[in-house]
Amino acid sequence: MIRALPITIREIDLGVMLMNVARTFYQWQVRAEQRQRLGELGQHALNDMGISRSQAKAEARKPFFWN
């Protein structure tokens, strides 16, 4: 037997839900761009930030949806 959830459309704020989805997609895009740029940085810039080449490569290889 299939039961319906005891909520109505009024209880779900579609606008808030869509804004949360849009915010998540935006964060993923920004994260992907930052990781790509990090992977392209030279050794001098990495030294200035205090991270090694291997740390930068490890971060750049992470999928965009990983925090």
PDB file of N, CA and C in Angstrom:
ATOM      1  N   MET A   1       0.835  -1.168   0.000  1.00  0.00           N
ATOM      2  CA  MET A   1       0.000   0.000   0.000  1.00  0.00           C
ATOM      3  C   MET A   1       0.889   1.245   0.000  1.00  0.00           C
ATOM      4  N   ILE A   2       0.606   2.170  -0.850  1.00  0.00           N
ATOM      5  CA  ILE A   2       1.369   3.416  -0.959  1.00  0.00           C
ATOM      6  C   ILE A   2       0.644   4.492  -0.170  1.00  0.00           C
ATOM      7  N   ARG A   3       1.387   5.156   0.687  1.00  0.00           N
ATOM      8  CA  ARG A   3       0.808   6.233   1.479  1.00  0.00           C
ATOM      9  C   ARG A   3       1.322   7.570   0.970  1.00  0.00           C
ATOM     10  N   ALA A   4       0.474   8.530   0.963  1.00  0.00           N
ATOM     11  CA  ALA A   4       0.869   9.887   0.591  1.00  0.00           C
ATOM     12  C   ALA A   4       1.486  10.565   1.807  1.00  0.00           C
ATOM     13  N   LEU A   5       2.454  11.418   1.549  1.00  0.00           N
ATOM     14  CA  LEU A   5       3.047  12.171   2.641  1.00  0.00           C
ATOM     15  C   LEU A   5       2.022  13.180   3.166  1.00  0.00           C
ATOM     16  N   PRO A   6       1.983  13.379   4.457  1.00  0.00           N
ATOM     17  CA  PRO A   6       0.979  14.272   5.025  1.00  0.00           C
ATOM     18  C   PRO A   6       1.367  15.751   4.932  1.00  0.00           C
ATOM     19  N   ILE A   7       1.786  16.189   3.749  1.00  0.00           N
ATOM     20  CA  ILE A   7       2.089  17.603   3.553  1.00  0.00           C
ATOM     21  C   ILE A   7       1.378  18.072   2.300  1.00  0.00           C
ATOM     22  N   THR A   8       1.166  19.346   2.235  1.00  0.00           N
ATOM     23  CA  THR A   8       0.540  19.924   1.058  1.00  0.00           C
ATOM     24  C   THR A   8       1.546  20.809   0.348  1.00  0.00           C
ATOM     25  N   ILE A   9       1.193  21.223  -0.840  1.00  0.00           N
ATOM     26  CA  ILE A   9       2.077  22.089  -1.622  1.00  0.00           C
ATOM     27  C   ILE A   9       2.323  23.399  -0.875  1.00  0.00           C
ATOM     28  N   ARG A  10       1.342  23.885  -0.128  1.00  0.00           N
ATOM     29  CA  ARG A  10       1.513  25.131   0.614  1.00  0.00           C
ATOM     30  C   ARG A  10       2.616  25.026   1.660  1.00  0.00           C
ATOM     31  N   GLU A  11       2.829  23.848   2.193  1.00  0.00           N
ATOM     32  CA  GLU A  11       3.833  23.671   3.233  1.00  0.00           C
ATOM     33  C   GLU A  11       5.256  23.658   2.669  1.00  0.00           C
ATOM     34  N   ILE A  12       5.371  23.434   1.403  1.00  0.00           N
ATOM     35  CA  ILE A  12       6.676  23.430   0.748  1.00  0.00           C
ATOM     36  C   ILE A  12       6.857  24.783   0.083  1.00  0.00           C
ATOM     37  N   ASP A  13       7.857  25.514   0.517  1.00  0.00           N
ATOM     38  CA  ASP A  13       8.120  26.811  -0.092  1.00  0.00           C
ATOM     39  C   ASP A  13       9.014  26.592  -1.304  1.00  0.00           C
ATOM     40  N   LEU A  14       8.391  26.520  -2.457  1.00  0.00           N
ATOM     41  CA  LEU A  14       9.112  26.220  -3.694  1.00  0.00           C
ATOM     42  C   LEU A  14      10.200  27.255  -3.979  1.00  0.00           C
ATOM     43  N   GLY A  15       9.920  28.507  -3.677  1.00  0.00           N
ATOM     44  CA  GLY A  15      10.920  29.557  -3.905  1.00  0.00           C
ATOM     45  C   GLY A  15      12.175  29.341  -3.089  1.00  0.00           C
ATOM     46  N   VAL A  16      12.013  28.984  -1.833  1.00  0.00           N
ATOM     47  CA  VAL A  16      13.167  28.735  -0.970  1.00  0.00           C
ATOM     48  C   VAL A  16      13.936  27.522  -1.470  1.00  0.00           C
ATOM     49  N   MET A  17      13.213  26.498  -1.859  1.00  0.00           N
ATOM     50  CA  MET A  17      13.865  25.295  -2.357  1.00  0.00           C
ATOM     51  C   MET A  17      14.669  25.588  -3.627  1.00  0.00           C
ATOM     52  N   LEU A  18      14.105  26.348  -4.539  1.00  0.00           N
ATOM     53  CA  LEU A  18      14.816  26.683  -5.777  1.00  0.00           C
ATOM     54  C   LEU A  18      16.027  27.568  -5.497  1.00  0.00           C
ATOM     55  N   MET A  19      15.906  28.492  -4.549  1.00  0.00           N
ATOM     56  CA  MET A  19      17.052  29.328  -4.195  1.00  0.00           C
ATOM     57  C   MET A  19      18.175  28.493  -3.591  1.00  0.00           C
ATOM     58  N   ASN A  20      17.833  27.511  -2.791  1.00  0.00           N
ATOM     59  CA  ASN A  20      18.850  26.629  -2.217  1.00  0.00           C
ATOM     60  C   ASN A  20      19.546  25.822  -3.298  1.00  0.00           C
ATOM     61  N   VAL A  21      18.802  25.353  -4.270  1.00  0.00           N
ATOM     62  CA  VAL A  21      19.395  24.609  -5.384  1.00  0.00           C
ATOM     63  C   VAL A  21      20.316  25.523  -6.191  1.00  0.00           C
ATOM     64  N   ALA A  22      19.853  26.739  -6.481  1.00  0.00           N
ATOM     65  CA  ALA A  22      20.673  27.688  -7.244  1.00  0.00           C
ATOM     66  C   ALA A  22      21.941  28.044  -6.475  1.00  0.00           C
ATOM     67  N   ARG A  23      21.829  28.237  -5.165  1.00  0.00           N
ATOM     68  CA  ARG A  23      22.987  28.561  -4.338  1.00  0.00           C
ATOM     69  C   ARG A  23      24.007  27.420  -4.358  1.00  0.00           C
ATOM     70  N   THR A  24      23.500  26.214  -4.286  1.00  0.00           N
ATOM     71  CA  THR A  24      24.392  25.043  -4.313  1.00  0.00           C
ATOM     72  C   THR A  24      25.117  24.948  -5.644  1.00  0.00           C
ATOM     73  N   PHE A  25      24.391  25.127  -6.755  1.00  0.00           N
ATOM     74  CA  PHE A  25      25.031  25.090  -8.072  1.00  0.00           C
ATOM     75  C   PHE A  25      26.080  26.183  -8.201  1.00  0.00           C
ATOM     76  N   TYR A  26      25.780  27.383  -7.688  1.00  0.00           N
ATOM     77  CA  TYR A  26      26.735  28.480  -7.747  1.00  0.00           C
ATOM     78  C   TYR A  26      27.996  28.143  -6.943  1.00  0.00           C
ATOM     79  N   GLN A  27      27.813  27.609  -5.742  1.00  0.00           N
ATOM     80  CA  GLN A  27      28.964  27.229  -4.917  1.00  0.00           C
ATOM     81  C   GLN A  27      29.807  26.169  -5.604  1.00  0.00           C
ATOM     82  N   TRP A  28      29.163  25.222  -6.252  1.00  0.00           N
ATOM     83  CA  TRP A  28      29.907  24.188  -6.981  1.00  0.00           C
ATOM     84  C   TRP A  28      30.722  24.798  -8.117  1.00  0.00           C
ATOM     85  N   GLN A  29      30.120  25.751  -8.834  1.00  0.00           N
ATOM     86  CA  GLN A  29      30.822  26.386  -9.951  1.00  0.00           C
ATOM     87  C   GLN A  29      32.038  27.160  -9.447  1.00  0.00           C
ATOM     88  N   VAL A  30      31.854  27.934  -8.387  1.00  0.00           N
ATOM     89  CA  VAL A  30      32.960  28.712  -7.820  1.00  0.00           C
ATOM     90  C   VAL A  30      34.066  27.782  -7.347  1.00  0.00           C
ATOM     91  N   ARG A  31      33.686  26.711  -6.663  1.00  0.00           N
ATOM     92  CA  ARG A  31      34.676  25.758  -6.144  1.00  0.00           C
ATOM     93  C   ARG A  31      35.459  25.118  -7.294  1.00  0.00           C
ATOM     94  N   ALA A  32      34.770  24.741  -8.365  1.00  0.00           N
ATOM     95  CA  ALA A  32      35.448  24.121  -9.511  1.00  0.00           C
ATOM     96  C   ALA A  32      36.440  25.094 -10.140  1.00  0.00           C
ATOM     97  N   GLU A  33      36.034  26.362 -10.287  1.00  0.00           N
ATOM     98  CA  GLU A  33      36.930  27.368 -10.874  1.00  0.00           C
ATOM     99  C   GLU A  33      38.146  27.613  -9.983  1.00  0.00           C
ATOM    100  N   GLN A  34      37.923  27.693  -8.668  1.00  0.00           N
ATOM    101  CA  GLN A  34      39.036  27.916  -7.750  1.00  0.00           C
ATOM    102  C   GLN A  34      40.020  26.757  -7.772  1.00  0.00           C
ATOM    103  N   ARG A  35      39.500  25.558  -7.806  1.00  0.00           N
ATOM    104  CA  ARG A  35      40.384  24.390  -7.840  1.00  0.00           C
ATOM    105  C   ARG A  35      41.168  24.323  -9.146  1.00  0.00           C
ATOM    106  N   GLN A  36      40.529  24.702 -10.244  1.00  0.00           N
ATOM    107  CA  GLN A  36      41.239  24.711 -11.517  1.00  0.00           C
ATOM    108  C   GLN A  36      42.377  25.730 -11.469  1.00  0.00           C
ATOM    109  N   ARG A  37      42.084  26.934 -10.959  1.00  0.00           N
ATOM    110  CA  ARG A  37      43.127  27.967 -10.861  1.00  0.00           C
ATOM    111  C   ARG A  37      44.250  27.552  -9.921  1.00  0.00           C
ATOM    112  N   LEU A  38      43.895  26.891  -8.833  1.00  0.00           N
ATOM    113  CA  LEU A  38      44.910  26.423  -7.891  1.00  0.00           C
ATOM    114  C   LEU A  38      45.864  25.445  -8.577  1.00  0.00           C
ATOM    115  N   GLY A  39      45.322  24.571  -9.404  1.00  0.00           N
ATOM    116  CA  GLY A  39      46.155  23.616 -10.121  1.00  0.00           C
ATOM    117  C   GLY A  39      47.060  24.255 -11.152  1.00  0.00           C
ATOM    118  N   GLU A  40      46.736  25.484 -11.567  1.00  0.00           N
ATOM    119  CA  GLU A  40      47.521  26.189 -12.582  1.00  0.00           C
ATOM    120  C   GLU A  40      48.557  27.139 -11.997  1.00  0.00           C
ATOM    121  N   LEU A  41      48.551  27.323 -10.678  1.00  0.00           N
ATOM    122  CA  LEU A  41      49.478  28.269 -10.055  1.00  0.00           C
ATOM    123  C   LEU A  41      50.920  27.778 -10.126  1.00  0.00           C
ATOM    124  N   GLY A  42      51.822  28.731 -10.207  1.00  0.00           N
ATOM    125  CA  GLY A  42      53.239  28.414 -10.219  1.00  0.00           C
ATOM    126  C   GLY A  42      53.771  28.173  -8.813  1.00  0.00           C
ATOM    127  N   GLN A  43      54.989  27.683  -8.741  1.00  0.00           N
ATOM    128  CA  GLN A  43      55.594  27.344  -7.457  1.00  0.00           C
ATOM    129  C   GLN A  43      55.749  28.562  -6.560  1.00  0.00           C
ATOM    130  N   HIS A  44      56.075  29.717  -7.142  1.00  0.00           N
ATOM    131  CA  HIS A  44      56.254  30.928  -6.341  1.00  0.00           C
ATOM    132  C   HIS A  44      54.956  31.302  -5.616  1.00  0.00           C
ATOM    133  N   ALA A  45      53.839  31.249  -6.325  1.00  0.00           N
ATOM    134  CA  ALA A  45      52.541  31.566  -5.709  1.00  0.00           C
ATOM    135  C   ALA A  45      52.173  30.539  -4.642  1.00  0.00           C
ATOM    136  N   LEU A  46      52.459  29.278  -4.905  1.00  0.00           N
ATOM    137  CA  LEU A  46      52.178  28.238  -3.916  1.00  0.00           C
ATOM    138  C   LEU A  46      53.023  28.440  -2.667  1.00  0.00           C
ATOM    139  N   ASN A  47      54.287  28.821  -2.860  1.00  0.00           N
ATOM    140  CA  ASN A  47      55.156  29.102  -1.717  1.00  0.00           C
ATOM    141  C   ASN A  47      54.608  30.263  -0.893  1.00  0.00           C
ATOM    142  N   ASP A  48      54.097  31.297  -1.573  1.00  0.00           N
ATOM    143  CA  ASP A  48      53.511  32.441  -0.878  1.00  0.00           C
ATOM    144  C   ASP A  48      52.312  32.024  -0.022  1.00  0.00           C
ATOM    145  N   MET A  49      51.558  31.045  -0.494  1.00  0.00           N
ATOM    146  CA  MET A  49      50.380  30.575   0.253  1.00  0.00           C
ATOM    147  C   MET A  49      50.750  29.530   1.296  1.00  0.00           C
ATOM    148  N   GLY A  50      51.956  29.005   1.208  1.00  0.00           N
ATOM    149  CA  GLY A  50      52.402  28.020   2.184  1.00  0.00           C
ATOM    150  C   GLY A  50      51.894  26.614   1.931  1.00  0.00           C
ATOM    151  N   ILE A  51      51.646  26.295   0.659  1.00  0.00           N
ATOM    152  CA  ILE A  51      51.231  24.930   0.329  1.00  0.00           C
ATOM    153  C   ILE A  51      52.176  24.347  -0.712  1.00  0.00           C
ATOM    154  N   SER A  52      52.298  23.051  -0.686  1.00  0.00           N
ATOM    155  CA  SER A  52      53.199  22.373  -1.616  1.00  0.00           C
ATOM    156  C   SER A  52      52.474  22.083  -2.929  1.00  0.00           C
ATOM    157  N   ARG A  53      53.258  21.732  -3.928  1.00  0.00           N
ATOM    158  CA  ARG A  53      52.693  21.369  -5.231  1.00  0.00           C
ATOM    159  C   ARG A  53      51.782  20.152  -5.082  1.00  0.00           C
ATOM    160  N   SER A  54      52.187  19.177  -4.284  1.00  0.00           N
ATOM    161  CA  SER A  54      51.370  17.973  -4.117  1.00  0.00           C
ATOM    162  C   SER A  54      50.050  18.293  -3.405  1.00  0.00           C
ATOM    163  N   GLN A  55      50.066  19.208  -2.444  1.00  0.00           N
ATOM    164  CA  GLN A  55      48.829  19.614  -1.789  1.00  0.00           C
ATOM    165  C   GLN A  55      47.900  20.326  -2.773  1.00  0.00           C
ATOM    166  N   ALA A  56      48.477  21.185  -3.604  1.00  0.00           N
ATOM    167  CA  ALA A  56      47.679  21.910  -4.597  1.00  0.00           C
ATOM    168  C   ALA A  56      47.074  20.939  -5.606  1.00  0.00           C
ATOM    169  N   LYS A  57      47.861  19.976  -6.056  1.00  0.00           N
ATOM    170  CA  LYS A  57      47.341  18.999  -7.014  1.00  0.00           C
ATOM    171  C   LYS A  57      46.243  18.144  -6.393  1.00  0.00           C
ATOM    172  N   ALA A  58      46.429  17.758  -5.134  1.00  0.00           N
ATOM    173  CA  ALA A  58      45.414  16.952  -4.450  1.00  0.00           C
ATOM    174  C   ALA A  58      44.108  17.726  -4.336  1.00  0.00           C
ATOM    175  N   GLU A  59      44.196  19.001  -4.009  1.00  0.00           N
ATOM    176  CA  GLU A  59      42.986  19.827  -3.895  1.00  0.00           C
ATOM    177  C   GLU A  59      42.356  20.043  -5.273  1.00  0.00           C
ATOM    178  N   ALA A  60      43.175  20.272  -6.279  1.00  0.00           N
ATOM    179  CA  ALA A  60      42.659  20.524  -7.626  1.00  0.00           C
ATOM    180  C   ALA A  60      41.978  19.291  -8.218  1.00  0.00           C
ATOM    181  N   ARG A  61      42.374  18.110  -7.772  1.00  0.00           N
ATOM    182  CA  ARG A  61      41.774  16.872  -8.294  1.00  0.00           C
ATOM    183  C   ARG A  61      40.429  16.537  -7.647  1.00  0.00           C
ATOM    184  N   LYS A  62      40.113  17.189  -6.536  1.00  0.00           N
ATOM    185  CA  LYS A  62      38.853  16.887  -5.864  1.00  0.00           C
ATOM    186  C   LYS A  62      37.666  17.267  -6.739  1.00  0.00           C
ATOM    187  N   PRO A  63      36.604  16.474  -6.698  1.00  0.00           N
ATOM    188  CA  PRO A  63      35.397  16.847  -7.438  1.00  0.00           C
ATOM    189  C   PRO A  63      34.804  18.142  -6.879  1.00  0.00           C
ATOM    190  N   PHE A  64      34.122  18.878  -7.720  1.00  0.00           N
ATOM    191  CA  PHE A  64      33.564  20.178  -7.320  1.00  0.00           C
ATOM    192  C   PHE A  64      32.548  20.062  -6.193  1.00  0.00           C
ATOM    193  N   PHE A  65      31.926  18.913  -6.025  1.00  0.00           N
ATOM    194  CA  PHE A  65      30.884  18.784  -5.015  1.00  0.00           C
ATOM    195  C   PHE A  65      31.426  18.380  -3.659  1.00  0.00           C
ATOM    196  N   TRP A  66      32.742  18.118  -3.561  1.00  0.00           N
ATOM    197  CA  TRP A  66      33.365  17.839  -2.261  1.00  0.00           C
ATOM    198  C   TRP A  66      33.739  19.156  -1.619  1.00  0.00           C
ATOM    199  N   ASN A  67      33.435  19.288  -0.367  1.00  0.00           N
ATOM    200  CA  ASN A  67      33.744  20.514   0.358  1.00  0.00           C
ATOM    201  C   ASN A  67      35.162  20.526   0.848  1.00  0.00           C
TER     202      ASN A  67
END
